[in-house]
All heavy atoms as atom14 arrays in JSON, in Angstrom:
{
  "sequence": "QPLIRHLLRRECSVLVTTTTPTGARRLDDLLGGAAQHLYTPFDLSWIM",
  "atom14_mask": [
    [1, 1, 1, 1, 1, 1, 1, 1, 1, 0, 0, 0, 0, 0],
    [1, 1, 1, 1, 1, 1, 1, 0, 0, 0, 0, 0, 0, 0],
    [1, 1, 1, 1, 1, 1, 1, 1, 0, 0, 0, 0, 0, 0],
    [1, 1, 1, 1, 1, 1, 1, 1, 0, 0, 0, 0, 0, 0],
    [1, 1, 1, 1, 1, 1, 1, 1, 1, 1, 1, 0, 0, 0],
    [1, 1, 1, 1, 1, 1, 1, 1, 1, 1, 0, 0, 0, 0],
    [1, 1, 1, 1, 1, 1, 1, 1, 0, 0, 0, 0, 0, 0],
    [1, 1, 1, 1, 1, 1, 1, 1, 0, 0, 0, 0, 0, 0],
    [1, 1, 1, 1, 1, 1, 1, 1, 1, 1, 1, 0, 0, 0],
    [1, 1, 1, 1, 1, 1, 1, 1, 1, 1, 1, 0, 0, 0],
    [1, 1, 1, 1, 1, 1, 1, 1, 1, 0, 0, 0, 0, 0],
    [1, 1, 1, 1, 1, 1, 0, 0, 0, 0, 0, 0, 0, 0],
    [1, 1, 1, 1, 1, 1, 0, 0, 0, 0, 0, 0, 0, 0],
    [1, 1, 1, 1, 1, 1, 1, 0, 0, 0, 0, 0, 0, 0],
    [1, 1, 1, 1, 1, 1, 1, 1, 0, 0, 0, 0, 0, 0],
    [1, 1, 1, 1, 1, 1, 1, 0, 0, 0, 0, 0, 0, 0],
    [1, 1, 1, 1, 1, 1, 1, 0, 0, 0, 0, 0, 0, 0],
    [1, 1, 1, 1, 1, 1, 1, 0, 0, 0, 0, 0, 0, 0],
    [1, 1, 1, 1, 1, 1, 1, 0, 0, 0, 0, 0, 0, 0],
    [1, 1, 1, 1, 1, 1, 1, 0, 0, 0, 0, 0, 0, 0],
    [1, 1, 1, 1, 1, 1, 1, 0, 0, 0, 0, 0, 0, 0],
    [1, 1, 1, 1, 1, 1, 1, 0, 0, 0, 0, 0, 0, 0],
    [1, 1, 1, 1, 0, 0, 0, 0, 0, 0, 0, 0, 0, 0],
    [1, 1, 1, 1, 1, 0, 0, 0, 0, 0, 0, 0, 0, 0],
    [1, 1, 1, 1, 1, 1, 1, 1, 1, 1, 1, 0, 0, 0],
    [1, 1, 1, 1, 1, 1, 1, 1, 1, 1, 1, 0, 0, 0],
    [1, 1, 1, 1, 1, 1, 1, 1, 0, 0, 0, 0, 0, 0],
    [1, 1, 1, 1, 1, 1, 1, 1, 0, 0, 0, 0, 0, 0],
    [1, 1, 1, 1, 1, 1, 1, 1, 0, 0, 0, 0, 0, 0],
    [1, 1, 1, 1, 1, 1, 1, 1, 0, 0, 0, 0, 0, 0],
    [1, 1, 1, 1, 1, 1, 1, 1, 0, 0, 0, 0, 0, 0],
    [1, 1, 1, 1, 0, 0, 0, 0, 0, 0, 0, 0, 0, 0],
    [1, 1, 1, 1, 0, 0, 0, 0, 0, 0, 0, 0, 0, 0],
    [1, 1, 1, 1, 1, 0, 0, 0, 0, 0, 0, 0, 0, 0],
    [1, 1, 1, 1, 1, 0, 0, 0, 0, 0, 0, 0, 0, 0],
    [1, 1, 1, 1, 1, 1, 1, 1, 1, 0, 0, 0, 0, 0],
    [1, 1, 1, 1, 1, 1, 1, 1, 1, 1, 0, 0, 0, 0],
    [1, 1, 1, 1, 1, 1, 1, 1, 0, 0, 0, 0, 0, 0],
    [1, 1, 1, 1, 1, 1, 1, 1, 1, 1, 1, 1, 0, 0],
    [1, 1, 1, 1, 1, 1, 1, 0, 0, 0, 0, 0, 0, 0],
    [1, 1, 1, 1, 1, 1, 1, 0, 0, 0, 0, 0, 0, 0],
    [1, 1, 1, 1, 1, 1, 1, 1, 1, 1, 1, 0, 0, 0],
    [1, 1, 1, 1, 1, 1, 1, 1, 0, 0, 0, 0, 0, 0],
    [1, 1, 1, 1, 1, 1, 1, 1, 0, 0, 0, 0, 0, 0],
    [1, 1, 1, 1, 1, 1, 0, 0, 0, 0, 0, 0, 0, 0],
    [1, 1, 1, 1, 1, 1, 1, 1, 1, 1, 1, 1, 1, 1],
    [1, 1, 1, 1, 1, 1, 1, 1, 0, 0, 0, 0, 0, 0],
    [1, 1, 1, 1, 1, 1, 1, 1, 0, 0, 0, 0, 0, 0]
  ],
  "atom14_positions": [
    [[156.14, 41.7, 19.9], [156.44, 41.44, 21.31], [157.91, 41.1, 21.57], [158.54, 41.71, 22.46], [155.55, 40.33, 21.86], [155.85, 39.96, 23.29], [155.43, 38.54, 23.64], [155.73, 38.06, 24.72], [154.76, 37.84, 22.74], [0.0, 0.0, 0.0], [0.0, 0.0, 0.0], [0.0, 0.0, 0.0], [0.0, 0.0, 0.0], [0.0, 0.0, 0.0]],
    [[158.53, 40.16, 20.84], [159.94, 39.85, 21.14], [160.88, 41.02, 20.86], [161.89, 41.18, 21.55], [160.24, 38.65, 20.24], [159.17, 38.63, 19.22], [157.97, 39.24, 19.83], [0.0, 0.0, 0.0], [0.0, 0.0, 0.0], [0.0, 0.0, 0.0], [0.0, 0.0, 0.0], [0.0, 0.0, 0.0], [0.0, 0.0, 0.0], [0.0, 0.0, 0.0]],
    [[160.55, 41.85, 19.87], [161.37, 43.04, 19.6], [161.27, 44.01, 20.77], [162.28, 44.59, 21.2], [160.9, 43.72, 18.31], [161.0, 42.93, 17.02], [160.42, 43.73, 15.87], [162.45, 42.55, 16.72], [0.0, 0.0, 0.0], [0.0, 0.0, 0.0], [0.0, 0.0, 0.0], [0.0, 0.0, 0.0], [0.0, 0.0, 0.0], [0.0, 0.0, 0.0]],
    [[160.05, 44.2, 21.27], [159.86, 45.13, 22.39], [160.58, 44.61, 23.63], [161.25, 45.39, 24.34], [158.36, 45.32, 22.67], [157.66, 45.94, 21.45], [158.14, 46.2, 23.91], [156.14, 45.89, 21.53], [0.0, 0.0, 0.0], [0.0, 0.0, 0.0], [0.0, 0.0, 0.0], [0.0, 0.0, 0.0], [0.0, 0.0, 0.0], [0.0, 0.0, 0.0]],
    [[160.47, 43.32, 23.89], [161.17, 42.75, 25.06], [162.68, 42.94, 24.93], [163.36, 43.22, 25.92], [160.82, 41.28, 25.2], [159.38, 41.02, 25.63], [159.18, 39.55, 25.98], [157.78, 39.26, 26.29], [157.2, 39.47, 27.46], [157.92, 40.0, 28.45], [155.93, 39.16, 27.66], [0.0, 0.0, 0.0], [0.0, 0.0, 0.0], [0.0, 0.0, 0.0]],
    [[163.19, 42.77, 23.73], [164.63, 42.98, 23.52], [165.02, 44.43, 23.8], [166.03, 44.7, 24.46], [165.01, 42.61, 22.08], [166.43, 42.91, 21.73], [167.48, 42.1, 22.11], [166.99, 43.96, 21.06], [168.62, 42.62, 21.69], [168.35, 43.74, 21.05], [0.0, 0.0, 0.0], [0.0, 0.0, 0.0], [0.0, 0.0, 0.0], [0.0, 0.0, 0.0]],
    [[164.21, 45.37, 23.33], [164.49, 46.78, 23.58], [164.46, 47.09, 25.07], [165.31, 47.84, 25.59], [163.48, 47.65, 22.84], [163.6, 47.69, 21.32], [162.35, 48.31, 20.7], [164.85, 48.48, 20.9], [0.0, 0.0, 0.0], [0.0, 0.0, 0.0], [0.0, 0.0, 0.0], [0.0, 0.0, 0.0], [0.0, 0.0, 0.0], [0.0, 0.0, 0.0]],
    [[163.49, 46.52, 25.77], [163.41, 46.75, 27.22], [164.62, 46.18, 27.93], [165.13, 46.78, 28.89], [162.12, 46.14, 27.76], [160.81, 46.79, 27.27], [159.6, 45.97, 27.71], [160.69, 48.22, 27.77], [0.0, 0.0, 0.0], [0.0, 0.0, 0.0], [0.0, 0.0, 0.0], [0.0, 0.0, 0.0], [0.0, 0.0, 0.0], [0.0, 0.0, 0.0]],
    [[165.1, 45.01, 27.47], [166.31, 44.45, 28.08], [167.53, 45.34, 27.83], [168.46, 45.37, 28.64], [166.57, 43.04, 27.53], [165.64, 41.97, 28.11], [166.14, 40.58, 27.8], [166.12, 40.3, 26.37], [165.09, 39.76, 25.73], [163.97, 39.47, 26.38], [165.15, 39.52, 24.44], [0.0, 0.0, 0.0], [0.0, 0.0, 0.0], [0.0, 0.0, 0.0]],
    [[167.5, 46.07, 26.72], [168.58, 47.03, 26.43], [168.41, 48.32, 27.22], [169.17, 49.27, 27.04], [168.58, 47.38, 24.93], [169.24, 46.38, 24.02], [169.43, 46.96, 22.63], [170.12, 48.24, 22.64], [170.91, 48.68, 21.66], [171.11, 47.94, 20.59], [171.48, 49.86, 21.73], [0.0, 0.0, 0.0], [0.0, 0.0, 0.0], [0.0, 0.0, 0.0]],
    [[167.4, 48.37, 28.05], [167.08, 49.55, 28.86], [166.66, 50.73, 28.0], [166.91, 51.9, 28.35], [168.25, 49.92, 29.79], [168.57, 48.81, 30.78], [169.63, 49.22, 31.79], [170.26, 50.27, 31.61], [169.81, 48.47, 32.77], [0.0, 0.0, 0.0], [0.0, 0.0, 0.0], [0.0, 0.0, 0.0], [0.0, 0.0, 0.0], [0.0, 0.0, 0.0]],
    [[166.02, 50.43, 26.87], [165.4, 51.46, 26.06], [163.97, 51.68, 26.55], [163.26, 50.71, 26.86], [165.36, 51.05, 24.58], [166.96, 50.97, 23.76], [0.0, 0.0, 0.0], [0.0, 0.0, 0.0], [0.0, 0.0, 0.0], [0.0, 0.0, 0.0], [0.0, 0.0, 0.0], [0.0, 0.0, 0.0], [0.0, 0.0, 0.0], [0.0, 0.0, 0.0]],
    [[163.55, 52.92, 26.62], [162.14, 53.19, 26.89], [161.37, 53.08, 25.58], [161.86, 53.48, 24.52], [161.97, 54.58, 27.5], [162.6, 55.56, 26.69], [0.0, 0.0, 0.0], [0.0, 0.0, 0.0], [0.0, 0.0, 0.0], [0.0, 0.0, 0.0], [0.0, 0.0, 0.0], [0.0, 0.0, 0.0], [0.0, 0.0, 0.0], [0.0, 0.0, 0.0]],
    [[160.16, 52.49, 25.65], [159.42, 52.14, 24.43], [158.0, 52.69, 24.5], [157.31, 52.54, 25.52], [159.38, 50.61, 24.25], [158.58, 50.24, 22.99], [160.78, 50.02, 24.18], [0.0, 0.0, 0.0], [0.0, 0.0, 0.0], [0.0, 0.0, 0.0], [0.0, 0.0, 0.0], [0.0, 0.0, 0.0], [0.0, 0.0, 0.0], [0.0, 0.0, 0.0]],
    [[157.58, 53.32, 23.42], [156.18, 53.68, 23.19], [155.62, 52.74, 22.14], [156.24, 52.54, 21.09], [156.05, 55.12, 22.7], [154.69, 55.49, 22.09], [153.6, 55.54, 23.16], [154.75, 56.8, 21.32], [0.0, 0.0, 0.0], [0.0, 0.0, 0.0], [0.0, 0.0, 0.0], [0.0, 0.0, 0.0], [0.0, 0.0, 0.0], [0.0, 0.0, 0.0]],
    [[154.46, 52.16, 22.4], [153.76, 51.34, 21.41], [152.44, 52.01, 21.08], [151.68, 52.37, 21.98], [153.51, 49.91, 21.92], [152.8, 49.07, 20.85], [154.81, 49.24, 22.34], [0.0, 0.0, 0.0], [0.0, 0.0, 0.0], [0.0, 0.0, 0.0], [0.0, 0.0, 0.0], [0.0, 0.0, 0.0], [0.0, 0.0, 0.0], [0.0, 0.0, 0.0]],
    [[152.18, 52.19, 19.79], [150.87, 52.7, 19.37], [150.11, 51.59, 18.68], [150.69, 50.79, 17.93], [151.0, 53.9, 18.41], [151.81, 53.55, 17.28], [151.6, 55.1, 19.12], [0.0, 0.0, 0.0], [0.0, 0.0, 0.0], [0.0, 0.0, 0.0], [0.0, 0.0, 0.0], [0.0, 0.0, 0.0], [0.0, 0.0, 0.0], [0.0, 0.0, 0.0]],
    [[148.82, 51.55, 18.93], [147.93, 50.62, 18.22], [146.73, 51.4, 17.72], [146.38, 52.46, 18.25], [147.44, 49.47, 19.13], [146.59, 50.01, 20.15], [148.61, 48.72, 19.76], [0.0, 0.0, 0.0], [0.0, 0.0, 0.0], [0.0, 0.0, 0.0], [0.0, 0.0, 0.0], [0.0, 0.0, 0.0], [0.0, 0.0, 0.0], [0.0, 0.0, 0.0]],
    [[146.1, 50.85, 16.7], [144.89, 51.46, 16.16], [143.64, 50.97, 16.88], [142.68, 51.71, 17.03], [144.78, 51.15, 14.65], [145.96, 51.63, 13.99], [143.57, 51.82, 14.02], [0.0, 0.0, 0.0], [0.0, 0.0, 0.0], [0.0, 0.0, 0.0], [0.0, 0.0, 0.0], [0.0, 0.0, 0.0], [0.0, 0.0, 0.0], [0.0, 0.0, 0.0]],
    [[143.69, 49.73, 17.34], [142.49, 49.12, 17.93], [142.62, 48.92, 19.43], [143.72, 48.68, 19.94], [142.21, 47.75, 17.28], [143.26, 46.84, 17.66], [142.14, 47.85, 15.77], [0.0, 0.0, 0.0], [0.0, 0.0, 0.0], [0.0, 0.0, 0.0], [0.0, 0.0, 0.0], [0.0, 0.0, 0.0], [0.0, 0.0, 0.0], [0.0, 0.0, 0.0]],
    [[141.5, 48.97, 20.16], [141.53, 48.64, 21.59], [141.95, 47.2, 21.85], [142.56, 46.91, 22.88], [140.09, 48.88, 22.04], [139.51, 49.83, 21.04], [140.17, 49.47, 19.74], [0.0, 0.0, 0.0], [0.0, 0.0, 0.0], [0.0, 0.0, 0.0], [0.0, 0.0, 0.0], [0.0, 0.0, 0.0], [0.0, 0.0, 0.0], [0.0, 0.0, 0.0]],
    [[141.62, 46.28, 20.94], [142.04, 44.89, 21.14], [143.55, 44.78, 21.11], [144.14, 44.0, 21.87], [141.41, 43.96, 20.09], [141.7, 44.46, 18.79], [139.92, 43.86, 20.27], [0.0, 0.0, 0.0], [0.0, 0.0, 0.0], [0.0, 0.0, 0.0], [0.0, 0.0, 0.0], [0.0, 0.0, 0.0], [0.0, 0.0, 0.0], [0.0, 0.0, 0.0]],
    [[144.19, 45.56, 20.25], [145.65, 45.59, 20.24], [146.21, 46.13, 21.53], [147.2, 45.63, 22.08], [0.0, 0.0, 0.0], [0.0, 0.0, 0.0], [0.0, 0.0, 0.0], [0.0, 0.0, 0.0], [0.0, 0.0, 0.0], [0.0, 0.0, 0.0], [0.0, 0.0, 0.0], [0.0, 0.0, 0.0], [0.0, 0.0, 0.0], [0.0, 0.0, 0.0]],
    [[145.55, 47.18, 22.08], [145.98, 47.75, 23.36], [145.85, 46.74, 24.48], [146.74, 46.61, 25.34], [145.16, 49.01, 23.66], [0.0, 0.0, 0.0], [0.0, 0.0, 0.0], [0.0, 0.0, 0.0], [0.0, 0.0, 0.0], [0.0, 0.0, 0.0], [0.0, 0.0, 0.0], [0.0, 0.0, 0.0], [0.0, 0.0, 0.0], [0.0, 0.0, 0.0]],
    [[144.73, 46.0, 24.49], [144.53, 44.99, 25.54], [145.55, 43.87, 25.43], [146.07, 43.38, 26.43], [143.11, 44.42, 25.47], [142.04, 45.35, 25.99], [140.77, 44.61, 26.33], [140.16, 44.01, 25.16], [139.29, 44.64, 24.38], [138.94, 45.9, 24.62], [138.75, 44.03, 23.34], [0.0, 0.0, 0.0], [0.0, 0.0, 0.0], [0.0, 0.0, 0.0]],
    [[145.86, 43.47, 24.2], [146.85, 42.4, 24.02], [148.22, 42.85, 24.5], [148.96, 42.08, 25.12], [146.91, 41.98, 22.56], [147.77, 40.74, 22.3], [147.21, 39.56, 23.05], [148.02, 38.36, 22.89], [148.2, 37.44, 23.81], [147.63, 37.58, 24.99], [148.94, 36.38, 23.58], [0.0, 0.0, 0.0], [0.0, 0.0, 0.0], [0.0, 0.0, 0.0]],
    [[148.57, 44.11, 24.22], [149.84, 44.64, 24.7], [149.9, 44.6, 26.22], [150.93, 44.2, 26.8], [150.02, 46.08, 24.2], [151.3, 46.78, 24.66], [152.53, 46.17, 24.0], [151.21, 48.28, 24.35], [0.0, 0.0, 0.0], [0.0, 0.0, 0.0], [0.0, 0.0, 0.0], [0.0, 0.0, 0.0], [0.0, 0.0, 0.0], [0.0, 0.0, 0.0]],
    [[148.81, 44.98, 26.86], [148.79, 44.98, 28.32], [148.88, 43.55, 28.87], [149.57, 43.3, 29.86], [147.51, 45.65, 28.82], [147.5, 45.85, 30.32], [148.41, 46.52, 30.83], [146.6, 45.31, 30.98], [0.0, 0.0, 0.0], [0.0, 0.0, 0.0], [0.0, 0.0, 0.0], [0.0, 0.0, 0.0], [0.0, 0.0, 0.0], [0.0, 0.0, 0.0]],
    [[148.21, 42.61, 28.19], [148.29, 41.21, 28.61], [149.72, 40.69, 28.53], [150.17, 39.93, 29.39], [147.39, 40.33, 27.73], [145.91, 40.56, 27.97], [145.56, 41.14, 29.02], [145.11, 40.18, 27.1], [0.0, 0.0, 0.0], [0.0, 0.0, 0.0], [0.0, 0.0, 0.0], [0.0, 0.0, 0.0], [0.0, 0.0, 0.0], [0.0, 0.0, 0.0]],
    [[150.43, 41.08, 27.47], [151.77, 40.55, 27.23], [152.83, 41.24, 28.08], [153.77, 40.6, 28.56], [152.13, 40.69, 25.75], [151.34, 39.81, 24.78], [151.63, 40.24, 23.34], [151.68, 38.34, 24.97], [0.0, 0.0, 0.0], [0.0, 0.0, 0.0], [0.0, 0.0, 0.0], [0.0, 0.0, 0.0], [0.0, 0.0, 0.0], [0.0, 0.0, 0.0]],
    [[152.71, 42.57, 28.23], [153.81, 43.34, 28.82], [153.41, 44.16, 30.04], [154.27, 44.82, 30.64], [154.41, 44.27, 27.76], [155.1, 43.58, 26.58], [155.44, 44.59, 25.49], [156.34, 42.85, 27.02], [0.0, 0.0, 0.0], [0.0, 0.0, 0.0], [0.0, 0.0, 0.0], [0.0, 0.0, 0.0], [0.0, 0.0, 0.0], [0.0, 0.0, 0.0]],
    [[152.14, 44.14, 30.39], [151.72, 44.98, 31.5], [152.03, 46.44, 31.19], [151.8, 46.92, 30.09], [0.0, 0.0, 0.0], [0.0, 0.0, 0.0], [0.0, 0.0, 0.0], [0.0, 0.0, 0.0], [0.0, 0.0, 0.0], [0.0, 0.0, 0.0], [0.0, 0.0, 0.0], [0.0, 0.0, 0.0], [0.0, 0.0, 0.0], [0.0, 0.0, 0.0]],
    [[152.61, 47.14, 32.14], [152.95, 48.54, 31.91], [154.4, 48.76, 31.52], [154.89, 49.9, 31.59], [0.0, 0.0, 0.0], [0.0, 0.0, 0.0], [0.0, 0.0, 0.0], [0.0, 0.0, 0.0], [0.0, 0.0, 0.0], [0.0, 0.0, 0.0], [0.0, 0.0, 0.0], [0.0, 0.0, 0.0], [0.0, 0.0, 0.0], [0.0, 0.0, 0.0]],
    [[155.09, 47.71, 31.08], [156.51, 47.84, 30.76], [156.75, 48.78, 29.59], [157.8, 49.44, 29.5], [157.13, 46.48, 30.48], [0.0, 0.0, 0.0], [0.0, 0.0, 0.0], [0.0, 0.0, 0.0], [0.0, 0.0, 0.0], [0.0, 0.0, 0.0], [0.0, 0.0, 0.0], [0.0, 0.0, 0.0], [0.0, 0.0, 0.0], [0.0, 0.0, 0.0]],
    [[155.79, 48.83, 28.66], [155.88, 49.74, 27.52], [154.71, 50.72, 27.58], [153.58, 50.34, 27.88], [155.86, 48.97, 26.2], [0.0, 0.0, 0.0], [0.0, 0.0, 0.0], [0.0, 0.0, 0.0], [0.0, 0.0, 0.0], [0.0, 0.0, 0.0], [0.0, 0.0, 0.0], [0.0, 0.0, 0.0], [0.0, 0.0, 0.0], [0.0, 0.0, 0.0]],
    [[154.98, 51.97, 27.29], [153.94, 53.0, 27.25], [153.05, 52.75, 26.04], [153.52, 52.34, 24.98], [154.64, 54.37, 27.14], [153.71, 55.56, 27.17], [154.48, 56.87, 27.04], [153.91, 57.94, 27.17], [155.77, 56.8, 26.77], [0.0, 0.0, 0.0], [0.0, 0.0, 0.0], [0.0, 0.0, 0.0], [0.0, 0.0, 0.0], [0.0, 0.0, 0.0]],
    [[151.74, 53.02, 26.17], [150.82, 52.83, 25.06], [150.05, 54.11, 24.76], [149.62, 54.82, 25.67], [149.8, 51.73, 25.35], [148.73, 51.64, 24.3], [147.51, 52.28, 24.41], [148.72, 51.02, 23.09], [146.79, 52.05, 23.33], [147.49, 51.29, 22.52], [0.0, 0.0, 0.0], [0.0, 0.0, 0.0], [0.0, 0.0, 0.0], [0.0, 0.0, 0.0]],
    [[149.87, 54.39, 23.48], [148.98, 55.45, 23.0], [148.22, 54.91, 21.8], [148.68, 53.99, 21.11], [149.76, 56.7, 22.57], [150.5, 57.5, 23.63], [151.34, 58.59, 22.97], [149.54, 58.11, 24.64], [0.0, 0.0, 0.0], [0.0, 0.0, 0.0], [0.0, 0.0, 0.0], [0.0, 0.0, 0.0], [0.0, 0.0, 0.0], [0.0, 0.0, 0.0]],
    [[147.06, 55.51, 21.53], [146.37, 55.18, 20.29], [147.03, 55.93, 19.13], [147.51, 57.05, 19.27], [144.88, 55.51, 20.37], [144.12, 54.46, 21.13], [143.5, 54.76, 22.34], [144.06, 53.15, 20.66], [142.82, 53.78, 23.05], [143.39, 52.17, 21.37], [142.78, 52.49, 22.54], [142.11, 51.52, 23.25], [0.0, 0.0, 0.0], [0.0, 0.0, 0.0]],
    [[147.04, 55.28, 17.99], [147.71, 55.8, 16.81], [147.1, 57.14, 16.38], [145.89, 57.23, 16.2], [147.57, 54.8, 15.65], [147.96, 53.52, 16.11], [148.44, 55.22, 14.48], [0.0, 0.0, 0.0], [0.0, 0.0, 0.0], [0.0, 0.0, 0.0], [0.0, 0.0, 0.0], [0.0, 0.0, 0.0], [0.0, 0.0, 0.0], [0.0, 0.0, 0.0]],
    [[147.92, 58.16, 16.2], [147.38, 59.44, 15.73], [147.03, 59.39, 14.25], [147.62, 58.62, 13.49], [148.54, 60.41, 15.98], [149.76, 59.55, 15.92], [149.37, 58.21, 16.45], [0.0, 0.0, 0.0], [0.0, 0.0, 0.0], [0.0, 0.0, 0.0], [0.0, 0.0, 0.0], [0.0, 0.0, 0.0], [0.0, 0.0, 0.0], [0.0, 0.0, 0.0]],
    [[146.05, 60.18, 13.87], [145.75, 60.31, 12.45], [146.94, 60.93, 11.73], [147.66, 61.76, 12.28], [144.5, 61.17, 12.24], [143.24, 60.55, 12.78], [142.47, 61.22, 13.73], [142.81, 59.3, 12.36], [141.31, 60.66, 14.25], [141.65, 58.73, 12.87], [140.89, 59.41, 13.81], [0.0, 0.0, 0.0], [0.0, 0.0, 0.0], [0.0, 0.0, 0.0]],
    [[147.11, 60.55, 10.47], [148.31, 60.94, 9.73], [148.2, 62.34, 9.11], [148.28, 62.52, 7.89], [148.63, 59.9, 8.64], [150.0, 60.13, 8.02], [150.89, 60.59, 8.73], [150.15, 59.84, 6.81], [0.0, 0.0, 0.0], [0.0, 0.0, 0.0], [0.0, 0.0, 0.0], [0.0, 0.0, 0.0], [0.0, 0.0, 0.0], [0.0, 0.0, 0.0]],
    [[148.01, 63.32, 9.97], [148.07, 64.73, 9.56], [149.3, 65.36, 10.21], [149.64, 65.04, 11.35], [146.81, 65.47, 9.99], [145.57, 65.16, 9.15], [144.31, 65.61, 9.86], [145.68, 65.81, 7.78], [0.0, 0.0, 0.0], [0.0, 0.0, 0.0], [0.0, 0.0, 0.0], [0.0, 0.0, 0.0], [0.0, 0.0, 0.0], [0.0, 0.0, 0.0]],
    [[149.96, 66.25, 9.48], [151.26, 66.76, 9.93], [151.2, 67.37, 11.32], [152.05, 67.1, 12.17], [151.77, 67.8, 8.92], [152.07, 67.17, 7.69], [0.0, 0.0, 0.0], [0.0, 0.0, 0.0], [0.0, 0.0, 0.0], [0.0, 0.0, 0.0], [0.0, 0.0, 0.0], [0.0, 0.0, 0.0], [0.0, 0.0, 0.0], [0.0, 0.0, 0.0]],
    [[150.19, 68.2, 11.6], [150.14, 68.88, 12.9], [149.92, 67.89, 14.03], [150.43, 68.09, 15.13], [149.07, 69.97, 12.9], [147.65, 69.49, 12.76], [146.98, 69.25, 11.61], [146.74, 69.2, 13.83], [145.69, 68.82, 11.89], [145.52, 68.8, 13.24], [146.83, 69.26, 15.22], [144.41, 68.43, 13.98], [145.7, 68.9, 15.97], [144.52, 68.5, 15.36]],
    [[149.18, 66.8, 13.75], [148.97, 65.78, 14.78], [150.26, 65.0, 15.02], [150.65, 64.76, 16.18], [147.83, 64.83, 14.36], [146.51, 65.6, 14.21], [147.67, 63.71, 15.38], [145.35, 64.77, 13.71], [0.0, 0.0, 0.0], [0.0, 0.0, 0.0], [0.0, 0.0, 0.0], [0.0, 0.0, 0.0], [0.0, 0.0, 0.0], [0.0, 0.0, 0.0]],
    [[150.94, 64.65, 13.94], [152.21, 63.92, 14.08], [153.25, 64.77, 14.82], [154.0, 64.26, 15.65], [152.75, 63.52, 12.71], [152.03, 62.34, 12.1], [152.26, 60.86, 13.11], [151.07, 59.75, 12.35], [0.0, 0.0, 0.0], [0.0, 0.0, 0.0], [0.0, 0.0, 0.0], [0.0, 0.0, 0.0], [0.0, 0.0, 0.0], [0.0, 0.0, 0.0]]
  ]
}
């Protein structure tokens, strides 16, 4: 969270990926929509 807030203050756009829905909910609780969220892709080359 503090790293993401620092990046946002630098006016960097940020994507955060999480594996779990609880991680996604916590991100929303902490930052609202300030950072974009996606679920973590499986580690296959074509998906990445």
